[in-house]
PDB file of all heavy atoms in Angstrom:
ATOM      1  N   ASP A   1     -71.778 -77.640 -55.204  1.00  0.00           N
ATOM      2  CA  ASP A   1     -70.820 -77.101 -56.192  1.00  0.00           C
ATOM      3  C   ASP A   1     -70.729 -77.924 -57.317  1.00  0.00           C
ATOM      4  O   ASP A   1     -70.288 -79.082 -57.276  1.00  0.00           O
ATOM      5  CB  ASP A   1     -69.488 -76.926 -55.432  1.00  0.00           C
ATOM      6  CG  ASP A   1     -68.421 -75.997 -56.323  1.00  0.00           C
ATOM      7  OD1 ASP A   1     -68.511 -76.137 -57.603  1.00  0.00           O
ATOM      8  OD2 ASP A   1     -67.558 -75.354 -55.849  1.00  0.00           O
ATOM      9  N   LEU A   2     -71.174 -77.485 -58.466  1.00  0.00           N
ATOM     10  CA  LEU A   2     -71.248 -78.400 -59.611  1.00  0.00           C
ATOM     11  C   LEU A   2     -69.958 -78.686 -60.331  1.00  0.00           C
ATOM     12  O   LEU A   2     -69.889 -79.481 -61.262  1.00  0.00           O
ATOM     13  CB  LEU A   2     -72.306 -77.825 -60.638  1.00  0.00           C
ATOM     14  CG  LEU A   2     -73.728 -77.828 -60.047  1.00  0.00           C
ATOM     15  CD1 LEU A   2     -74.743 -77.079 -61.058  1.00  0.00           C
ATOM     16  CD2 LEU A   2     -74.251 -79.277 -59.658  1.00  0.00           C
ATOM     17  N   LYS A   3     -68.886 -78.049 -59.909  1.00  0.00           N
ATOM     18  CA  LYS A   3     -67.583 -78.471 -60.308  1.00  0.00           C
ATOM     19  C   LYS A   3     -67.088 -79.910 -59.900  1.00  0.00           C
ATOM     20  O   LYS A   3     -66.550 -80.661 -60.601  1.00  0.00           O
ATOM     21  CB  LYS A   3     -66.591 -77.394 -60.060  1.00  0.00           C
ATOM     22  CG  LYS A   3     -66.806 -76.082 -60.720  1.00  0.00           C
ATOM     23  CD  LYS A   3     -65.774 -75.029 -60.279  1.00  0.00           C
ATOM     24  CE  LYS A   3     -66.023 -73.702 -60.921  1.00  0.00           C
ATOM     25  NZ  LYS A   3     -65.113 -72.585 -60.482  1.00  0.00           N
ATOM     26  N   ASP A   4     -67.422 -80.066 -58.532  1.00  0.00           N
ATOM     27  CA  ASP A   4     -67.083 -81.465 -57.923  1.00  0.00           C
ATOM     28  C   ASP A   4     -68.129 -82.058 -57.210  1.00  0.00           C
ATOM     29  O   ASP A   4     -67.886 -83.156 -56.651  1.00  0.00           O
ATOM     30  CB  ASP A   4     -65.806 -81.212 -56.982  1.00  0.00           C
ATOM     31  CG  ASP A   4     -66.156 -80.159 -55.886  1.00  0.00           C
ATOM     32  OD1 ASP A   4     -67.392 -79.666 -55.775  1.00  0.00           O
ATOM     33  OD2 ASP A   4     -65.250 -79.765 -55.226  1.00  0.00           O
ATOM     34  N   ASP A   5     -69.339 -81.543 -57.352  1.00  0.00           N
ATOM     35  CA  ASP A   5     -70.525 -82.100 -56.665  1.00  0.00           C
ATOM     36  C   ASP A   5     -70.474 -82.047 -55.161  1.00  0.00           C
ATOM     37  O   ASP A   5     -71.223 -82.835 -54.387  1.00  0.00           O
ATOM     38  CB  ASP A   5     -70.936 -83.521 -57.133  1.00  0.00           C
ATOM     39  CG  ASP A   5     -71.236 -83.505 -58.705  1.00  0.00           C
ATOM     40  OD1 ASP A   5     -71.515 -82.458 -59.233  1.00  0.00           O
ATOM     41  OD2 ASP A   5     -71.176 -84.552 -59.240  1.00  0.00           O
ATOM     42  N   ALA A   6     -69.472 -81.361 -54.515  1.00  0.00           N
ATOM     43  CA  ALA A   6     -69.465 -81.274 -53.070  1.00  0.00           C
ATOM     44  C   ALA A   6     -70.672 -80.418 -52.535  1.00  0.00           C
ATOM     45  O   ALA A   6     -71.012 -79.523 -53.254  1.00  0.00           O
ATOM     46  CB  ALA A   6     -68.088 -80.695 -52.771  1.00  0.00           C
ATOM     47  N   ILE A   7     -71.010 -80.831 -51.319  1.00  0.00           N
ATOM     48  CA  ILE A   7     -72.100 -80.223 -50.693  1.00  0.00           C
ATOM     49  C   ILE A   7     -71.648 -79.482 -49.491  1.00  0.00           C
ATOM     50  O   ILE A   7     -70.898 -80.086 -48.721  1.00  0.00           O
ATOM     51  CB  ILE A   7     -73.352 -81.064 -50.342  1.00  0.00           C
ATOM     52  CG1 ILE A   7     -73.854 -81.732 -51.499  1.00  0.00           C
ATOM     53  CG2 ILE A   7     -74.340 -80.319 -49.536  1.00  0.00           C
ATOM     54  CD1 ILE A   7     -74.910 -82.865 -51.183  1.00  0.00           C
ATOM     55  N   HIS A   8     -71.970 -78.194 -49.314  1.00  0.00           N
ATOM     56  CA  HIS A   8     -71.804 -77.593 -47.998  1.00  0.00           C
ATOM     57  C   HIS A   8     -72.999 -76.850 -47.616  1.00  0.00           C
ATOM     58  O   HIS A   8     -73.848 -76.593 -48.428  1.00  0.00           O
ATOM     59  CB  HIS A   8     -70.670 -76.546 -48.078  1.00  0.00           C
ATOM     60  CG  HIS A   8     -70.815 -75.238 -48.896  1.00  0.00           C
ATOM     61  ND1 HIS A   8     -70.533 -75.047 -50.076  1.00  0.00           N
ATOM     62  CD2 HIS A   8     -71.378 -74.059 -48.428  1.00  0.00           C
ATOM     63  CE1 HIS A   8     -70.798 -73.919 -50.675  1.00  0.00           C
ATOM     64  NE2 HIS A   8     -71.455 -73.257 -49.525  1.00  0.00           N
ATOM     65  N   TRP A   9     -73.133 -76.526 -46.209  1.00  0.00           N
ATOM     66  CA  TRP A   9     -74.401 -76.223 -45.682  1.00  0.00           C
ATOM     67  C   TRP A   9     -74.261 -74.673 -45.208  1.00  0.00           C
ATOM     68  O   TRP A   9     -73.305 -74.284 -44.671  1.00  0.00           O
ATOM     69  CB  TRP A   9     -74.848 -77.099 -44.464  1.00  0.00           C
ATOM     70  CG  TRP A   9     -74.990 -78.516 -44.925  1.00  0.00           C
ATOM     71  CD1 TRP A   9     -74.046 -79.440 -44.768  1.00  0.00           C
ATOM     72  CD2 TRP A   9     -76.031 -79.050 -45.618  1.00  0.00           C
ATOM     73  NE1 TRP A   9     -74.502 -80.667 -45.310  1.00  0.00           N
ATOM     74  CE2 TRP A   9     -75.766 -80.376 -45.803  1.00  0.00           C
ATOM     75  CE3 TRP A   9     -77.345 -78.578 -46.100  1.00  0.00           C
ATOM     76  CZ2 TRP A   9     -76.617 -81.375 -46.452  1.00  0.00           C
ATOM     77  CZ3 TRP A   9     -78.178 -79.443 -46.802  1.00  0.00           C
ATOM     78  CH2 TRP A   9     -77.840 -80.769 -46.957  1.00  0.00           C
ATOM     79  N   VAL A  10     -75.341 -73.906 -45.512  1.00  0.00           N
ATOM     80  CA  VAL A  10     -75.259 -72.616 -45.142  1.00  0.00           C
ATOM     81  C   VAL A  10     -75.547 -72.590 -43.625  1.00  0.00           C
ATOM     82  O   VAL A  10     -76.514 -73.004 -43.035  1.00  0.00           O
ATOM     83  CB  VAL A  10     -76.477 -71.760 -45.768  1.00  0.00           C
ATOM     84  CG1 VAL A  10     -76.511 -70.279 -45.319  1.00  0.00           C
ATOM     85  CG2 VAL A  10     -76.337 -71.929 -47.340  1.00  0.00           C
ATOM     86  N   GLY A  11     -74.694 -71.827 -42.975  1.00  0.00           N
ATOM     87  CA  GLY A  11     -74.566 -71.761 -41.526  1.00  0.00           C
ATOM     88  C   GLY A  11     -75.455 -70.716 -40.910  1.00  0.00           C
ATOM     89  O   GLY A  11     -74.931 -69.657 -40.334  1.00  0.00           O
ATOM     90  N   LEU A  12     -76.839 -70.868 -41.052  1.00  0.00           N
ATOM     91  CA  LEU A  12     -77.698 -69.866 -40.533  1.00  0.00           C
ATOM     92  C   LEU A  12     -77.689 -70.085 -38.955  1.00  0.00           C
ATOM     93  O   LEU A  12     -77.647 -71.178 -38.457  1.00  0.00           O
ATOM     94  CB  LEU A  12     -79.146 -70.205 -41.054  1.00  0.00           C
ATOM     95  CG  LEU A  12     -79.354 -69.828 -42.484  1.00  0.00           C
ATOM     96  CD1 LEU A  12     -80.707 -70.391 -42.999  1.00  0.00           C
ATOM     97  CD2 LEU A  12     -79.263 -68.389 -42.774  1.00  0.00           C
ATOM     98  N   GLU A  13     -77.855 -68.940 -38.243  1.00  0.00           N
ATOM     99  CA  GLU A  13     -77.904 -68.895 -36.864  1.00  0.00           C
ATOM    100  C   GLU A  13     -79.200 -69.567 -36.227  1.00  0.00           C
ATOM    101  O   GLU A  13     -80.280 -69.676 -36.990  1.00  0.00           O
ATOM    102  CB  GLU A  13     -77.897 -67.455 -36.362  1.00  0.00           C
ATOM    103  CG  GLU A  13     -79.228 -66.651 -36.785  1.00  0.00           C
ATOM    104  CD  GLU A  13     -79.162 -65.232 -36.543  1.00  0.00           C
ATOM    105  OE1 GLU A  13     -77.993 -64.657 -36.133  1.00  0.00           O
ATOM    106  OE2 GLU A  13     -80.220 -64.627 -36.378  1.00  0.00           O
ATOM    107  N   GLY A  14     -79.213 -69.993 -35.015  1.00  0.00           N
ATOM    108  CA  GLY A  14     -80.423 -70.519 -34.468  1.00  0.00           C
ATOM    109  C   GLY A  14     -80.729 -71.906 -34.766  1.00  0.00           C
ATOM    110  O   GLY A  14     -80.073 -72.650 -35.592  1.00  0.00           O
ATOM    111  N   ASP A  15     -81.751 -72.531 -33.977  1.00  0.00           N
ATOM    112  CA  ASP A  15     -82.240 -73.934 -34.098  1.00  0.00           C
ATOM    113  C   ASP A  15     -82.847 -74.116 -35.284  1.00  0.00           C
ATOM    114  O   ASP A  15     -84.047 -73.434 -35.481  1.00  0.00           O
ATOM    115  CB  ASP A  15     -82.897 -74.250 -32.881  1.00  0.00           C
ATOM    116  CG  ASP A  15     -83.395 -75.676 -32.826  1.00  0.00           C
ATOM    117  OD1 ASP A  15     -83.171 -76.516 -33.866  1.00  0.00           O
ATOM    118  OD2 ASP A  15     -83.902 -76.083 -31.785  1.00  0.00           O
ATOM    119  N   PRO A  16     -82.535 -74.967 -36.359  1.00  0.00           N
ATOM    120  CA  PRO A  16     -83.191 -75.212 -37.499  1.00  0.00           C
ATOM    121  C   PRO A  16     -84.526 -75.854 -37.314  1.00  0.00           C
ATOM    122  O   PRO A  16     -85.439 -75.818 -38.221  1.00  0.00           O
ATOM    123  CB  PRO A  16     -82.354 -76.154 -38.313  1.00  0.00           C
ATOM    124  CG  PRO A  16     -81.405 -76.834 -37.305  1.00  0.00           C
ATOM    125  CD  PRO A  16     -81.184 -75.690 -36.178  1.00  0.00           C
ATOM    126  N   ARG A  17     -84.771 -76.307 -36.023  1.00  0.00           N
ATOM    127  CA  ARG A  17     -86.232 -76.880 -35.888  1.00  0.00           C
ATOM    128  C   ARG A  17     -87.061 -75.830 -35.226  1.00  0.00           C
ATOM    129  O   ARG A  17     -88.406 -76.164 -34.950  1.00  0.00           O
ATOM    130  CB  ARG A  17     -86.029 -78.143 -34.766  1.00  0.00           C
ATOM    131  CG  ARG A  17     -85.462 -79.270 -35.502  1.00  0.00           C
ATOM    132  CD  ARG A  17     -85.622 -80.479 -34.639  1.00  0.00           C
ATOM    133  NE  ARG A  17     -85.046 -81.754 -35.157  1.00  0.00           N
ATOM    134  CZ  ARG A  17     -85.633 -82.409 -36.138  1.00  0.00           C
ATOM    135  NH1 ARG A  17     -86.867 -82.229 -36.558  1.00  0.00           N
ATOM    136  NH2 ARG A  17     -84.959 -83.492 -36.659  1.00  0.00           N
ATOM    137  N   GLN A  18     -86.600 -74.676 -34.993  1.00  0.00           N
ATOM    138  CA  GLN A  18     -87.426 -73.704 -34.518  1.00  0.00           C
ATOM    139  C   GLN A  18     -87.540 -72.439 -35.425  1.00  0.00           C
ATOM    140  O   GLN A  18     -87.939 -71.310 -35.002  1.00  0.00           O
ATOM    141  CB  GLN A  18     -86.901 -73.202 -33.149  1.00  0.00           C
ATOM    142  CG  GLN A  18     -87.006 -74.188 -32.062  1.00  0.00           C
ATOM    143  CD  GLN A  18     -88.517 -74.647 -31.752  1.00  0.00           C
ATOM    144  OE1 GLN A  18     -89.336 -73.877 -31.746  1.00  0.00           O
ATOM    145  NE2 GLN A  18     -88.505 -76.003 -31.604  1.00  0.00           N
ATOM    146  N   ASN A  19     -87.179 -72.573 -36.676  1.00  0.00           N
ATOM    147  CA  ASN A  19     -87.141 -71.622 -37.681  1.00  0.00           C
ATOM    148  C   ASN A  19     -87.680 -72.267 -39.011  1.00  0.00           C
ATOM    149  O   ASN A  19     -87.427 -73.478 -39.214  1.00  0.00           O
ATOM    150  CB  ASN A  19     -85.850 -70.947 -37.888  1.00  0.00           C
ATOM    151  CG  ASN A  19     -85.531 -70.092 -36.643  1.00  0.00           C
ATOM    152  OD1 ASN A  19     -85.866 -68.943 -36.664  1.00  0.00           O
ATOM    153  ND2 ASN A  19     -84.739 -70.791 -35.858  1.00  0.00           N
ATOM    154  N   TYR A  20     -88.206 -71.399 -39.842  1.00  0.00           N
ATOM    155  CA  TYR A  20     -88.736 -71.847 -41.215  1.00  0.00           C
ATOM    156  C   TYR A  20     -87.905 -71.095 -42.252  1.00  0.00           C
ATOM    157  O   TYR A  20     -87.451 -70.004 -42.081  1.00  0.00           O
ATOM    158  CB  TYR A  20     -90.211 -71.589 -41.348  1.00  0.00           C
ATOM    159  CG  TYR A  20     -91.080 -72.241 -40.436  1.00  0.00           C
ATOM    160  CD1 TYR A  20     -91.839 -71.569 -39.407  1.00  0.00           C
ATOM    161  CD2 TYR A  20     -91.340 -73.577 -40.538  1.00  0.00           C
ATOM    162  CE1 TYR A  20     -92.624 -72.107 -38.522  1.00  0.00           C
ATOM    163  CE2 TYR A  20     -92.244 -74.171 -39.520  1.00  0.00           C
ATOM    164  CZ  TYR A  20     -92.815 -73.539 -38.493  1.00  0.00           C
ATOM    165  OH  TYR A  20     -93.593 -74.252 -37.668  1.00  0.00           O
ATOM    166  N   ILE A  21     -87.890 -71.761 -43.269  1.00  0.00           N
ATOM    167  CA  ILE A  21     -87.223 -71.127 -44.537  1.00  0.00           C
ATOM    168  C   ILE A  21     -88.211 -71.232 -45.644  1.00  0.00           C
ATOM    169  O   ILE A  21     -88.320 -72.160 -46.410  1.00  0.00           O
ATOM    170  CB  ILE A  21     -85.891 -71.826 -44.970  1.00  0.00           C
ATOM    171  CG1 ILE A  21     -84.962 -71.869 -43.737  1.00  0.00           C
ATOM    172  CG2 ILE A  21     -85.233 -71.023 -46.135  1.00  0.00           C
ATOM    173  CD1 ILE A  21     -83.689 -72.630 -44.080  1.00  0.00           C
ATOM    174  N   PRO A  22     -88.985 -70.136 -45.835  1.00  0.00           N
ATOM    175  CA  PRO A  22     -90.085 -70.099 -46.881  1.00  0.00           C
ATOM    176  C   PRO A  22     -89.595 -69.661 -48.283  1.00  0.00           C
ATOM    177  O   PRO A  22     -90.384 -69.826 -49.231  1.00  0.00           O
ATOM    178  CB  PRO A  22     -91.081 -69.121 -46.240  1.00  0.00           C
ATOM    179  CG  PRO A  22     -90.235 -68.157 -45.499  1.00  0.00           C
ATOM    180  CD  PRO A  22     -89.190 -68.901 -44.873  1.00  0.00           C
ATOM    181  N   GLY A  23     -88.321 -69.090 -48.420  1.00  0.00           N
ATOM    182  CA  GLY A  23     -87.972 -68.723 -49.710  1.00  0.00           C
ATOM    183  C   GLY A  23     -86.422 -68.674 -49.909  1.00  0.00           C
ATOM    184  O   GLY A  23     -85.806 -68.150 -48.886  1.00  0.00           O
ATOM    185  N   ILE A  24     -85.937 -69.109 -51.111  1.00  0.00           N
ATOM    186  CA  ILE A  24     -84.525 -68.828 -51.359  1.00  0.00           C
ATOM    187  C   ILE A  24     -84.543 -68.532 -52.889  1.00  0.00           C
ATOM    188  O   ILE A  24     -85.495 -68.948 -53.661  1.00  0.00           O
ATOM    189  CB  ILE A  24     -83.527 -70.026 -51.183  1.00  0.00           C
ATOM    190  CG1 ILE A  24     -84.030 -71.157 -52.000  1.00  0.00           C
ATOM    191  CG2 ILE A  24     -83.583 -70.356 -49.730  1.00  0.00           C
ATOM    192  CD1 ILE A  24     -83.001 -72.357 -51.894  1.00  0.00           C
ATOM    193  N   GLN A  25     -83.506 -67.696 -53.389  1.00  0.00           N
ATOM    194  CA  GLN A  25     -83.486 -67.278 -54.810  1.00  0.00           C
ATOM    195  C   GLN A  25     -82.162 -66.795 -55.155  1.00  0.00           C
ATOM    196  O   GLN A  25     -81.493 -66.030 -54.211  1.00  0.00           O
ATOM    197  CB  GLN A  25     -84.489 -66.208 -55.158  1.00  0.00           C
ATOM    198  CG  GLN A  25     -84.500 -64.877 -54.524  1.00  0.00           C
ATOM    199  CD  GLN A  25     -85.627 -63.984 -54.700  1.00  0.00           C
ATOM    200  OE1 GLN A  25     -86.477 -63.897 -53.711  1.00  0.00           O
ATOM    201  NE2 GLN A  25     -85.722 -63.395 -55.928  1.00  0.00           N
ATOM    202  N   TRP A  26     -81.654 -67.120 -56.298  1.00  0.00           N
ATOM    203  CA  TRP A  26     -80.439 -66.481 -56.759  1.00  0.00           C
ATOM    204  C   TRP A  26     -80.613 -65.073 -57.238  1.00  0.00           C
ATOM    205  O   TRP A  26     -81.535 -64.846 -58.021  1.00  0.00           O
ATOM    206  CB  TRP A  26     -79.846 -67.461 -57.845  1.00  0.00           C
ATOM    207  CG  TRP A  26     -79.359 -68.767 -57.438  1.00  0.00           C
ATOM    208  CD1 TRP A  26     -80.034 -69.912 -57.642  1.00  0.00           C
ATOM    209  CD2 TRP A  26     -78.177 -69.020 -56.776  1.00  0.00           C
ATOM    210  NE1 TRP A  26     -79.313 -71.072 -57.146  1.00  0.00           N
ATOM    211  CE2 TRP A  26     -78.234 -70.522 -56.469  1.00  0.00           C
ATOM    212  CE3 TRP A  26     -77.110 -68.324 -56.210  1.00  0.00           C
ATOM    213  CZ2 TRP A  26     -77.147 -71.208 -55.884  1.00  0.00           C
ATOM    214  CZ3 TRP A  26     -76.129 -68.922 -55.584  1.00  0.00           C
ATOM    215  CH2 TRP A  26     -76.036 -70.356 -55.420  1.00  0.00           C
ATOM    216  N   VAL A  27     -79.651 -64.260 -56.854  1.00  0.00           N
ATOM    217  CA  VAL A  27     -79.623 -62.899 -57.474  1.00  0.00           C
ATOM    218  C   VAL A  27     -78.656 -62.963 -58.608  1.00  0.00           C
ATOM    219  O   VAL A  27     -78.924 -62.415 -59.760  1.00  0.00           O
ATOM    220  CB  VAL A  27     -79.163 -61.769 -56.435  1.00  0.00           C
ATOM    221  CG1 VAL A  27     -79.009 -60.436 -57.111  1.00  0.00           C
ATOM    222  CG2 VAL A  27     -80.070 -61.813 -55.258  1.00  0.00           C
ATOM    223  N   HIS A  28     -77.468 -63.557 -58.479  1.00  0.00           N
ATOM    224  CA  HIS A  28     -76.465 -63.836 -59.474  1.00  0.00           C
ATOM    225  C   HIS A  28     -75.759 -65.122 -59.067  1.00  0.00           C
ATOM    226  O   HIS A  28     -76.086 -65.784 -58.048  1.00  0.00           O
ATOM    227  CB  HIS A  28     -75.539 -62.625 -59.786  1.00  0.00           C
ATOM    228  CG  HIS A  28     -74.821 -62.112 -58.672  1.00  0.00           C
ATOM    229  ND1 HIS A  28     -73.883 -62.881 -57.911  1.00  0.00           N
ATOM    230  CD2 HIS A  28     -74.956 -60.964 -58.021  1.00  0.00           C
ATOM    231  CE1 HIS A  28     -73.345 -62.105 -57.007  1.00  0.00           C
ATOM    232  NE2 HIS A  28     -74.034 -60.887 -56.993  1.00  0.00           N
ATOM    233  N   ASP A  29     -74.823 -65.432 -59.822  1.00  0.00           N
ATOM    234  CA  ASP A  29     -74.248 -66.822 -59.534  1.00  0.00           C
ATOM    235  C   ASP A  29     -73.485 -66.927 -58.232  1.00  0.00           C
ATOM    236  O   ASP A  29     -73.234 -68.050 -57.816  1.00  0.00           O
ATOM    237  CB  ASP A  29     -73.123 -67.109 -60.655  1.00  0.00           C
ATOM    238  CG  ASP A  29     -73.346 -68.592 -61.058  1.00  0.00           C
ATOM    239  OD1 ASP A  29     -74.273 -68.959 -61.425  1.00  0.00           O
ATOM    240  OD2 ASP A  29     -72.133 -69.326 -60.995  1.00  0.00           O
ATOM    241  N   ASP A  30     -73.275 -65.786 -57.561  1.00  0.00           N
ATOM    242  CA  ASP A  30     -72.514 -65.933 -56.216  1.00  0.00           C
ATOM    243  C   ASP A  30     -73.334 -65.164 -55.177  1.00  0.00           C
ATOM    244  O   ASP A  30     -72.639 -64.658 -54.280  1.00  0.00           O
ATOM    245  CB  ASP A  30     -71.071 -65.505 -56.386  1.00  0.00           C
ATOM    246  CG  ASP A  30     -70.196 -65.963 -55.295  1.00  0.00           C
ATOM    247  OD1 ASP A  30     -70.460 -66.977 -54.702  1.00  0.00           O
ATOM    248  OD2 ASP A  30     -69.204 -65.203 -54.948  1.00  0.00           O
ATOM    249  N   LEU A  31     -74.477 -65.045 -55.367  1.00  0.00           N
ATOM    250  CA  LEU A  31     -75.349 -64.388 -54.288  1.00  0.00           C
ATOM    251  C   LEU A  31     -76.793 -65.085 -54.234  1.00  0.00           C
ATOM    252  O   LEU A  31     -77.505 -65.136 -55.145  1.00  0.00           O
ATOM    253  CB  LEU A  31     -75.532 -62.872 -54.533  1.00  0.00           C
ATOM    254  CG  LEU A  31     -76.255 -62.133 -53.414  1.00  0.00           C
ATOM    255  CD1 LEU A  31     -75.690 -62.329 -52.071  1.00  0.00           C
ATOM    256  CD2 LEU A  31     -76.384 -60.698 -53.865  1.00  0.00           C
ATOM    257  N   LEU A  32     -77.081 -65.567 -52.964  1.00  0.00           N
ATOM    258  CA  LEU A  32     -78.386 -66.218 -52.748  1.00  0.00           C
ATOM    259  C   LEU A  32     -78.999 -65.455 -51.679  1.00  0.00           C
ATOM    260  O   LEU A  32     -78.423 -65.263 -50.622  1.00  0.00           O
ATOM    261  CB  LEU A  32     -78.020 -67.725 -52.363  1.00  0.00           C
ATOM    262  CG  LEU A  32     -79.407 -68.569 -52.093  1.00  0.00           C
ATOM    263  CD1 LEU A  32     -80.025 -68.943 -53.451  1.00  0.00           C
ATOM    264  CD2 LEU A  32     -78.998 -69.796 -51.261  1.00  0.00           C
ATOM    265  N   LEU A  33     -80.335 -65.157 -51.929  1.00  0.00           N
ATOM    266  CA  LEU A  33     -81.228 -64.575 -50.965  1.00  0.00           C
ATOM    267  C   LEU A  33     -81.981 -65.753 -50.162  1.00  0.00           C
ATOM    268  O   LEU A  33     -82.434 -66.597 -50.774  1.00  0.00           O
ATOM    269  CB  LEU A  33     -82.196 -63.562 -51.487  1.00  0.00           C
ATOM    270  CG  LEU A  33     -81.790 -62.324 -52.183  1.00  0.00           C
ATOM    271  CD1 LEU A  33     -82.925 -61.522 -52.775  1.00  0.00           C
ATOM    272  CD2 LEU A  33     -80.870 -61.550 -51.249  1.00  0.00           C
ATOM    273  N   ILE A  34     -81.982 -65.603 -48.805  1.00  0.00           N
ATOM    274  CA  ILE A  34     -82.528 -66.521 -47.942  1.00  0.00           C
ATOM    275  C   ILE A  34     -83.509 -65.951 -47.015  1.00  0.00           C
ATOM    276  O   ILE A  34     -83.112 -65.018 -46.333  1.00  0.00           O
ATOM    277  CB  ILE A  34     -81.531 -67.347 -47.168  1.00  0.00           C
ATOM    278  CG1 ILE A  34     -80.508 -68.113 -48.060  1.00  0.00           C
ATOM    279  CG2 ILE A  34     -82.174 -68.480 -46.325  1.00  0.00           C
ATOM    280  CD1 ILE A  34     -79.319 -68.769 -47.311  1.00  0.00           C
ATOM    281  N   GLN A  35     -84.826 -66.279 -47.099  1.00  0.00           N
ATOM    282  CA  GLN A  35     -85.870 -65.720 -46.282  1.00  0.00           C
ATOM    283  C   GLN A  35     -86.050 -66.795 -45.145  1.00  0.00           C
ATOM    284  O   GLN A  35     -86.232 -67.901 -45.263  1.00  0.00           O
ATOM    285  CB  GLN A  35     -87.153 -65.573 -46.962  1.00  0.00           C
ATOM    286  CG  GLN A  35     -87.130 -64.573 -48.089  1.00  0.00           C
ATOM    287  CD  GLN A  35     -88.519 -64.497 -48.772  1.00  0.00           C
ATOM    288  OE1 GLN A  35     -89.455 -64.216 -48.191  1.00  0.00           O
ATOM    289  NE2 GLN A  35     -88.407 -64.833 -50.104  1.00  0.00           N
ATOM    290  N   ARG A  36     -85.904 -66.323 -43.917  1.00  0.00           N
ATOM    291  CA  ARG A  36     -85.954 -67.103 -42.660  1.00  0.00           C
ATOM    292  C   ARG A  36     -86.990 -66.518 -41.630  1.00  0.00           C
ATOM    293  O   ARG A  36     -86.946 -65.255 -41.415  1.00  0.00           O
ATOM    294  CB  ARG A  36     -84.615 -67.338 -41.964  1.00  0.00           C
ATOM    295  CG  ARG A  36     -84.670 -68.559 -41.138  1.00  0.00           C
ATOM    296  CD  ARG A  36     -83.318 -68.817 -40.504  1.00  0.00           C
ATOM    297  NE  ARG A  36     -83.245 -70.205 -40.020  1.00  0.00           N
ATOM    298  CZ  ARG A  36     -82.302 -70.549 -38.998  1.00  0.00           C
ATOM    299  NH1 ARG A  36     -81.704 -69.606 -38.287  1.00  0.00           N
ATOM    300  NH2 ARG A  36     -82.294 -71.837 -38.768  1.00  0.00           N
TER     301      ARG A  36
END
């Protein structure tokens, strides 16, 4: 969050070591597409 530089993590389901994230992209300022 560039207002206060705080970081939060997207809570995707499943083990992060058993899944890949090959793509992310913004649609608009409050919507992110995540390919898993």
